[in-house]
Amino acid sequence: MADDSDESRSRDPHDDEASAGLSFSLPPITLPEVHLPERVRLVFPVPEPPEKVSKPIRVDASWGLVAVAVADALDAVAVVWAGPEALAWARAAVGLAVGVALVGAPGLLYVWELLATVGGMGWLALAPTLTALVVVRLFADAE
């Protein structure tokens, strides 16, 4: 009768391999259902704006105009004394920085002096570009 019970069991070819070594099995694992809320809100910390430490310095327009006129005069002296190709990149960088600081985005127009020098027309660098940009900005602000 023992033989009948052995034959009644189905033989799995993996049973021979499993009985040959140490093995174990885990029960079926089910994960719990996960539901996200309909509306997810992210909160980022926003720092308080810094307090103003000092009041802005107001400069009279005439002093600013005098400063850029002196800068243009020094630029012209450098062009006449050393030639338009001398320090062209440095003069353009300083003029561009001062132009953007005083006039804003239109101060980028100062780059035309560098382009004129590179293009072989360095004598155009004698033009008072900073003074012209500041005067145009003053007239634009007055309106």
N, C-alpha and C. Protein backbone atom coordinates (compact mmCIF):
# COMPACT_ATOMS: atom_id res chain seq x y z
N MET A 1 0.79 -1.18 0.00
CA MET A 1 0.00 0.00 0.00
C MET A 1 0.84 1.25 0.00
N ALA A 2 1.97 1.12 0.53
CA ALA A 2 2.83 2.27 0.54
C ALA A 2 3.21 2.66 -0.87
N ASP A 3 3.31 1.66 -1.72
CA ASP A 3 3.67 1.96 -3.09
C ASP A 3 2.55 2.70 -3.80
N ASP A 4 1.28 2.36 -3.48
CA ASP A 4 0.15 3.04 -4.12
C ASP A 4 0.12 4.50 -3.73
N SER A 5 0.42 4.78 -2.46
CA SER A 5 0.38 6.18 -2.03
C SER A 5 1.52 6.97 -2.67
N ASP A 6 2.67 6.32 -2.87
CA ASP A 6 3.79 7.01 -3.52
C ASP A 6 3.47 7.29 -4.98
N GLU A 7 2.81 6.36 -5.65
CA GLU A 7 2.49 6.56 -7.04
C GLU A 7 1.37 7.56 -7.22
N SER A 8 0.47 7.66 -6.24
CA SER A 8 -0.63 8.60 -6.35
C SER A 8 -0.16 10.06 -6.27
N ARG A 9 0.94 10.21 -5.59
CA ARG A 9 1.49 11.57 -5.56
C ARG A 9 2.12 11.89 -6.91
N SER A 10 1.96 13.13 -7.33
CA SER A 10 2.58 13.52 -8.60
C SER A 10 4.06 13.76 -8.36
N ARG A 11 4.84 13.34 -9.31
CA ARG A 11 6.29 13.50 -9.18
C ARG A 11 6.70 14.76 -9.90
N ASP A 12 7.38 15.59 -9.17
CA ASP A 12 7.94 16.82 -9.74
C ASP A 12 9.42 16.58 -9.94
N PRO A 13 9.96 16.86 -11.12
CA PRO A 13 11.39 16.61 -11.33
C PRO A 13 12.26 17.47 -10.43
N HIS A 14 11.75 18.62 -9.94
CA HIS A 14 12.53 19.49 -9.05
C HIS A 14 12.60 18.95 -7.63
N ASP A 15 11.70 18.00 -7.29
CA ASP A 15 11.73 17.44 -5.93
C ASP A 15 13.04 16.73 -5.65
N ASP A 16 13.57 16.06 -6.66
CA ASP A 16 14.83 15.36 -6.48
C ASP A 16 15.96 16.34 -6.20
N GLU A 17 15.96 17.51 -6.93
CA GLU A 17 17.00 18.52 -6.73
C GLU A 17 16.84 19.19 -5.37
N ALA A 18 15.57 19.44 -4.96
CA ALA A 18 15.31 20.10 -3.69
C ALA A 18 15.69 19.22 -2.53
N SER A 19 15.48 17.93 -2.64
CA SER A 19 15.82 17.04 -1.54
C SER A 19 17.32 16.82 -1.44
N ALA A 20 18.04 17.15 -2.50
CA ALA A 20 19.48 16.94 -2.49
C ALA A 20 20.19 17.98 -1.64
N GLY A 21 19.65 19.21 -1.54
CA GLY A 21 20.33 20.26 -0.79
C GLY A 21 19.39 20.92 0.20
N LEU A 22 19.91 21.92 0.88
CA LEU A 22 19.13 22.67 1.86
C LEU A 22 18.33 23.74 1.13
N SER A 23 17.04 23.83 1.38
CA SER A 23 16.20 24.83 0.73
C SER A 23 15.11 25.26 1.68
N PHE A 24 14.54 26.43 1.37
CA PHE A 24 13.41 26.92 2.14
C PHE A 24 12.53 27.72 1.20
N SER A 25 11.31 27.95 1.58
CA SER A 25 10.39 28.72 0.77
C SER A 25 9.68 29.74 1.66
N LEU A 26 9.35 30.87 1.05
CA LEU A 26 8.66 31.93 1.77
C LEU A 26 7.18 31.88 1.45
N PRO A 27 6.40 32.31 2.41
CA PRO A 27 4.97 32.37 2.10
C PRO A 27 4.72 33.52 1.11
N PRO A 28 3.62 33.52 0.43
CA PRO A 28 3.34 34.60 -0.51
C PRO A 28 3.29 35.94 0.22
N ILE A 29 3.91 36.96 -0.40
CA ILE A 29 3.97 38.28 0.21
C ILE A 29 3.01 39.19 -0.54
N THR A 30 2.20 39.90 0.20
CA THR A 30 1.30 40.88 -0.42
C THR A 30 1.59 42.24 0.21
N LEU A 31 1.66 43.24 -0.64
CA LEU A 31 1.89 44.60 -0.18
C LEU A 31 0.56 45.29 0.09
N PRO A 32 0.53 46.15 1.09
CA PRO A 32 -0.73 46.86 1.35
C PRO A 32 -0.99 47.87 0.23
N GLU A 33 -2.24 48.21 0.05
CA GLU A 33 -2.60 49.19 -0.98
C GLU A 33 -2.09 50.57 -0.58
N VAL A 34 -1.60 51.28 -1.55
CA VAL A 34 -1.08 52.62 -1.32
C VAL A 34 -1.97 53.60 -2.07
N HIS A 35 -2.50 54.57 -1.35
CA HIS A 35 -3.34 55.59 -1.97
C HIS A 35 -2.69 56.95 -1.75
N LEU A 36 -2.42 57.67 -2.84
CA LEU A 36 -1.91 59.02 -2.72
C LEU A 36 -3.07 59.98 -2.58
N PRO A 37 -2.87 61.04 -1.83
CA PRO A 37 -3.95 62.01 -1.72
C PRO A 37 -4.22 62.66 -3.08
N GLU A 38 -5.43 63.15 -3.24
CA GLU A 38 -5.80 63.76 -4.51
C GLU A 38 -4.97 65.02 -4.78
N ARG A 39 -4.65 65.74 -3.77
CA ARG A 39 -3.91 66.99 -3.93
C ARG A 39 -2.66 66.92 -3.06
N VAL A 40 -1.52 66.95 -3.69
CA VAL A 40 -0.26 66.90 -2.97
C VAL A 40 0.29 68.32 -2.92
N ARG A 41 0.62 68.80 -1.75
CA ARG A 41 1.14 70.16 -1.60
C ARG A 41 2.56 70.06 -1.06
N LEU A 42 3.48 70.70 -1.76
CA LEU A 42 4.85 70.77 -1.31
C LEU A 42 5.09 72.13 -0.69
N VAL A 43 5.75 72.12 0.41
CA VAL A 43 6.01 73.37 1.10
C VAL A 43 7.52 73.56 1.16
N PHE A 44 7.99 74.68 0.58
CA PHE A 44 9.41 75.01 0.60
C PHE A 44 9.61 76.17 1.55
N PRO A 45 10.65 76.10 2.35
CA PRO A 45 10.91 77.24 3.23
C PRO A 45 11.39 78.44 2.41
N VAL A 46 10.78 79.57 2.63
CA VAL A 46 11.16 80.79 1.93
C VAL A 46 11.75 81.73 2.96
N PRO A 47 13.01 82.10 2.78
CA PRO A 47 13.63 82.99 3.76
C PRO A 47 13.04 84.40 3.66
N GLU A 48 13.09 85.08 4.74
CA GLU A 48 12.63 86.46 4.76
C GLU A 48 13.60 87.31 3.94
N PRO A 49 13.09 88.32 3.24
CA PRO A 49 14.01 89.17 2.49
C PRO A 49 14.93 89.92 3.44
N PRO A 50 16.17 90.12 3.02
CA PRO A 50 17.10 90.82 3.92
C PRO A 50 16.69 92.28 4.11
N GLU A 51 16.96 92.75 5.28
CA GLU A 51 16.65 94.15 5.57
C GLU A 51 17.70 95.04 4.92
N LYS A 52 17.27 96.18 4.46
CA LYS A 52 18.21 97.11 3.86
C LYS A 52 19.06 97.72 4.97
N VAL A 53 20.36 97.58 4.80
CA VAL A 53 21.27 98.06 5.83
C VAL A 53 21.49 99.56 5.70
N SER A 54 21.62 100.01 4.49
CA SER A 54 21.87 101.44 4.30
C SER A 54 20.99 101.97 3.18
N LYS A 55 20.81 103.24 3.18
CA LYS A 55 20.03 103.87 2.13
C LYS A 55 20.88 103.95 0.86
N PRO A 56 20.25 103.87 -0.29
CA PRO A 56 21.03 103.98 -1.52
C PRO A 56 21.65 105.38 -1.63
N ILE A 57 22.82 105.40 -2.22
CA ILE A 57 23.53 106.66 -2.39
C ILE A 57 23.02 107.33 -3.66
N ARG A 58 22.59 108.54 -3.53
CA ARG A 58 22.12 109.29 -4.69
C ARG A 58 23.23 110.21 -5.16
N VAL A 59 23.53 110.09 -6.42
CA VAL A 59 24.57 110.90 -7.03
C VAL A 59 23.90 111.89 -7.96
N ASP A 60 24.34 113.13 -7.87
CA ASP A 60 23.81 114.14 -8.76
C ASP A 60 24.19 113.79 -10.19
N ALA A 61 23.27 114.00 -11.12
CA ALA A 61 23.50 113.64 -12.51
C ALA A 61 24.69 114.37 -13.10
N SER A 62 24.92 115.59 -12.65
CA SER A 62 26.04 116.34 -13.21
C SER A 62 27.38 115.69 -12.84
N TRP A 63 27.48 115.12 -11.62
CA TRP A 63 28.72 114.44 -11.23
C TRP A 63 28.92 113.17 -12.05
N GLY A 64 27.86 112.46 -12.31
CA GLY A 64 27.96 111.27 -13.14
C GLY A 64 28.38 111.61 -14.56
N LEU A 65 27.84 112.73 -15.06
CA LEU A 65 28.21 113.17 -16.40
C LEU A 65 29.67 113.58 -16.47
N VAL A 66 30.14 114.25 -15.42
CA VAL A 66 31.56 114.64 -15.36
C VAL A 66 32.44 113.39 -15.31
N ALA A 67 32.05 112.38 -14.55
CA ALA A 67 32.84 111.16 -14.42
C ALA A 67 32.98 110.43 -15.75
N VAL A 68 31.88 110.30 -16.49
CA VAL A 68 31.98 109.60 -17.77
C VAL A 68 32.69 110.44 -18.82
N ALA A 69 32.59 111.77 -18.72
CA ALA A 69 33.34 112.63 -19.64
C ALA A 69 34.84 112.47 -19.41
N VAL A 70 35.25 112.38 -18.14
CA VAL A 70 36.66 112.15 -17.82
C VAL A 70 37.10 110.78 -18.32
N ALA A 71 36.27 109.76 -18.15
CA ALA A 71 36.60 108.41 -18.62
C ALA A 71 36.76 108.40 -20.14
N ASP A 72 35.86 109.09 -20.85
CA ASP A 72 35.98 109.16 -22.30
C ASP A 72 37.23 109.94 -22.71
N ALA A 73 37.57 110.99 -21.96
CA ALA A 73 38.78 111.76 -22.27
C ALA A 73 40.03 110.90 -22.07
N LEU A 74 40.07 110.12 -21.00
CA LEU A 74 41.22 109.23 -20.77
C LEU A 74 41.31 108.16 -21.86
N ASP A 75 40.18 107.68 -22.30
CA ASP A 75 40.16 106.70 -23.39
C ASP A 75 40.71 107.33 -24.67
N ALA A 76 40.30 108.56 -24.95
CA ALA A 76 40.79 109.26 -26.15
C ALA A 76 42.30 109.51 -26.07
N VAL A 77 42.78 109.89 -24.87
CA VAL A 77 44.22 110.11 -24.69
C VAL A 77 44.97 108.80 -24.93
N ALA A 78 44.45 107.68 -24.46
CA ALA A 78 45.11 106.39 -24.67
C ALA A 78 45.15 106.04 -26.15
N VAL A 79 44.07 106.35 -26.87
CA VAL A 79 44.03 106.06 -28.30
C VAL A 79 45.04 106.91 -29.05
N VAL A 80 45.12 108.21 -28.72
CA VAL A 80 46.04 109.11 -29.42
C VAL A 80 47.49 108.79 -29.06
N TRP A 81 47.74 108.51 -27.80
CA TRP A 81 49.11 108.31 -27.33
C TRP A 81 49.68 106.96 -27.78
N ALA A 82 48.92 105.87 -27.58
CA ALA A 82 49.47 104.54 -27.84
C ALA A 82 48.90 103.90 -29.10
N GLY A 83 47.93 104.51 -29.72
CA GLY A 83 47.32 103.93 -30.91
C GLY A 83 46.03 103.20 -30.55
N PRO A 84 45.15 103.08 -31.52
CA PRO A 84 43.84 102.47 -31.23
C PRO A 84 43.91 100.98 -30.90
N GLU A 85 44.94 100.29 -31.37
CA GLU A 85 45.04 98.85 -31.10
C GLU A 85 45.59 98.55 -29.72
N ALA A 86 46.22 99.55 -29.08
CA ALA A 86 46.81 99.32 -27.75
C ALA A 86 45.72 99.17 -26.70
N LEU A 87 45.78 98.09 -25.99
CA LEU A 87 44.84 97.80 -24.89
C LEU A 87 43.37 97.87 -25.33
N ALA A 88 43.11 97.51 -26.57
CA ALA A 88 41.73 97.60 -27.08
C ALA A 88 40.77 96.75 -26.26
N TRP A 89 41.20 95.52 -25.91
CA TRP A 89 40.32 94.63 -25.14
C TRP A 89 40.11 95.16 -23.73
N ALA A 90 41.14 95.68 -23.12
CA ALA A 90 41.01 96.20 -21.75
C ALA A 90 40.12 97.45 -21.73
N ARG A 91 40.34 98.35 -22.69
CA ARG A 91 39.50 99.56 -22.76
C ARG A 91 38.05 99.19 -23.01
N ALA A 92 37.82 98.21 -23.88
CA ALA A 92 36.45 97.77 -24.17
C ALA A 92 35.81 97.13 -22.95
N ALA A 93 36.56 96.33 -22.21
CA ALA A 93 36.00 95.67 -21.01
C ALA A 93 35.63 96.69 -19.95
N VAL A 94 36.52 97.66 -19.72
CA VAL A 94 36.23 98.69 -18.71
C VAL A 94 35.06 99.54 -19.16
N GLY A 95 35.07 99.97 -20.42
CA GLY A 95 33.96 100.79 -20.94
C GLY A 95 32.64 100.06 -20.90
N LEU A 96 32.66 98.78 -21.22
CA LEU A 96 31.44 97.98 -21.20
C LEU A 96 30.92 97.83 -19.77
N ALA A 97 31.82 97.58 -18.83
CA ALA A 97 31.40 97.44 -17.42
C ALA A 97 30.82 98.74 -16.89
N VAL A 98 31.48 99.85 -17.17
CA VAL A 98 30.98 101.15 -16.70
C VAL A 98 29.66 101.49 -17.39
N GLY A 99 29.58 101.21 -18.68
CA GLY A 99 28.35 101.49 -19.42
C GLY A 99 27.16 100.71 -18.89
N VAL A 100 27.37 99.43 -18.62
CA VAL A 100 26.26 98.61 -18.10
C VAL A 100 25.91 99.04 -16.68
N ALA A 101 26.91 99.42 -15.88
CA ALA A 101 26.64 99.85 -14.50
C ALA A 101 25.85 101.16 -14.47
N LEU A 102 26.16 102.07 -15.36
CA LEU A 102 25.50 103.38 -15.33
C LEU A 102 24.23 103.45 -16.16
N VAL A 103 24.19 102.75 -17.27
CA VAL A 103 23.08 102.91 -18.20
C VAL A 103 22.17 101.68 -18.22
N GLY A 104 22.69 100.53 -17.84
CA GLY A 104 21.92 99.30 -17.89
C GLY A 104 22.20 98.56 -19.18
N ALA A 105 21.20 97.84 -19.69
CA ALA A 105 21.38 97.03 -20.90
C ALA A 105 21.83 97.84 -22.11
N PRO A 106 21.36 99.08 -22.31
CA PRO A 106 21.87 99.84 -23.45
C PRO A 106 23.38 100.11 -23.37
N GLY A 107 23.97 99.95 -22.20
CA GLY A 107 25.41 100.12 -22.06
C GLY A 107 26.21 99.09 -22.84
N LEU A 108 25.53 98.01 -23.26
CA LEU A 108 26.19 97.00 -24.09
C LEU A 108 26.58 97.55 -25.46
N LEU A 109 25.98 98.67 -25.83
CA LEU A 109 26.32 99.29 -27.12
C LEU A 109 27.76 99.77 -27.16
N TYR A 110 28.41 99.85 -26.00
CA TYR A 110 29.80 100.30 -25.96
C TYR A 110 30.72 99.35 -26.73
N VAL A 111 30.27 98.14 -26.95
CA VAL A 111 31.10 97.15 -27.63
C VAL A 111 31.41 97.56 -29.07
N TRP A 112 30.68 98.54 -29.61
CA TRP A 112 30.94 98.97 -30.98
C TRP A 112 32.35 99.54 -31.12
N GLU A 113 32.90 100.12 -30.05
CA GLU A 113 34.26 100.65 -30.13
C GLU A 113 35.26 99.52 -30.34
N LEU A 114 35.07 98.41 -29.67
CA LEU A 114 35.96 97.26 -29.87
C LEU A 114 35.80 96.71 -31.28
N LEU A 115 34.57 96.62 -31.76
CA LEU A 115 34.35 96.11 -33.10
C LEU A 115 34.98 97.03 -34.15
N ALA A 116 34.92 98.34 -33.92
CA ALA A 116 35.55 99.28 -34.85
C ALA A 116 37.06 99.10 -34.84
N THR A 117 37.65 98.90 -33.68
CA THR A 117 39.10 98.71 -33.60
C THR A 117 39.52 97.42 -34.28
N VAL A 118 38.78 96.34 -34.02
CA VAL A 118 39.10 95.05 -34.64
C VAL A 118 38.88 95.13 -36.15
N GLY A 119 37.91 95.92 -36.58
CA GLY A 119 37.61 96.07 -38.00
C GLY A 119 38.57 96.99 -38.74
N GLY A 120 39.56 97.54 -38.06
CA GLY A 120 40.54 98.38 -38.72
C GLY A 120 40.22 99.86 -38.71
N MET A 121 39.16 100.26 -38.02
CA MET A 121 38.80 101.68 -37.94
C MET A 121 38.93 102.14 -36.49
N GLY A 122 40.11 101.97 -35.93
CA GLY A 122 40.36 102.29 -34.53
C GLY A 122 40.21 103.75 -34.18
N TRP A 123 40.32 104.65 -35.15
CA TRP A 123 40.17 106.06 -34.87
C TRP A 123 38.75 106.39 -34.42
N LEU A 124 37.77 105.50 -34.68
CA LEU A 124 36.39 105.72 -34.21
C LEU A 124 36.29 105.60 -32.68
N ALA A 125 37.34 105.01 -32.07
CA ALA A 125 37.34 104.88 -30.61
C ALA A 125 37.51 106.22 -29.91
N LEU A 126 37.78 107.28 -30.68
CA LEU A 126 37.87 108.62 -30.09
C LEU A 126 36.50 109.17 -29.73
N ALA A 127 35.44 108.56 -30.21
CA ALA A 127 34.09 109.04 -29.93
C ALA A 127 33.77 108.90 -28.44
N PRO A 128 33.09 109.89 -27.89
CA PRO A 128 32.73 109.83 -26.46
C PRO A 128 31.50 108.96 -26.22
N THR A 129 31.68 107.67 -26.32
CA THR A 129 30.55 106.74 -26.26
C THR A 129 29.87 106.73 -24.89
N LEU A 130 30.64 106.67 -23.81
CA LEU A 130 30.04 106.65 -22.46
C LEU A 130 29.25 107.92 -22.20
N THR A 131 29.80 109.05 -22.59
CA THR A 131 29.11 110.32 -22.37
C THR A 131 27.80 110.33 -23.15
N ALA A 132 27.83 109.88 -24.39
CA ALA A 132 26.61 109.85 -25.19
C ALA A 132 25.56 108.92 -24.59
N LEU A 133 25.98 107.75 -24.11
CA LEU A 133 25.03 106.82 -23.50
C LEU A 133 24.40 107.40 -22.24
N VAL A 134 25.21 108.06 -21.41
CA VAL A 134 24.67 108.63 -20.18
C VAL A 134 23.74 109.80 -20.49
N VAL A 135 24.07 110.64 -21.47
CA VAL A 135 23.20 111.76 -21.84
C VAL A 135 21.87 111.24 -22.35
N VAL A 136 21.91 110.20 -23.19
CA VAL A 136 20.66 109.62 -23.69
C VAL A 136 19.85 109.04 -22.54
N ARG A 137 20.51 108.40 -21.59
CA ARG A 137 19.79 107.85 -20.43
C ARG A 137 19.17 108.96 -19.58
N LEU A 138 19.89 110.07 -19.40
CA LEU A 138 19.34 111.18 -18.63
C LEU A 138 18.13 111.78 -19.31
N PHE A 139 18.17 111.93 -20.63
CA PHE A 139 17.01 112.46 -21.35
C PHE A 139 15.85 111.48 -21.33
N ALA A 140 16.15 110.19 -21.38
CA ALA A 140 15.08 109.19 -21.33
C ALA A 140 14.41 109.16 -19.96
N ASP A 141 15.20 109.37 -18.89
CA ASP A 141 14.63 109.40 -17.54
C ASP A 141 13.84 110.68 -17.30
N ALA A 142 14.21 111.76 -17.97
CA ALA A 142 13.52 113.04 -17.76
C ALA A 142 12.13 113.03 -18.34
N GLU A 143 11.90 112.21 -19.33
CA GLU A 143 10.57 112.18 -19.98
C GLU A 143 9.59 111.47 -19.18
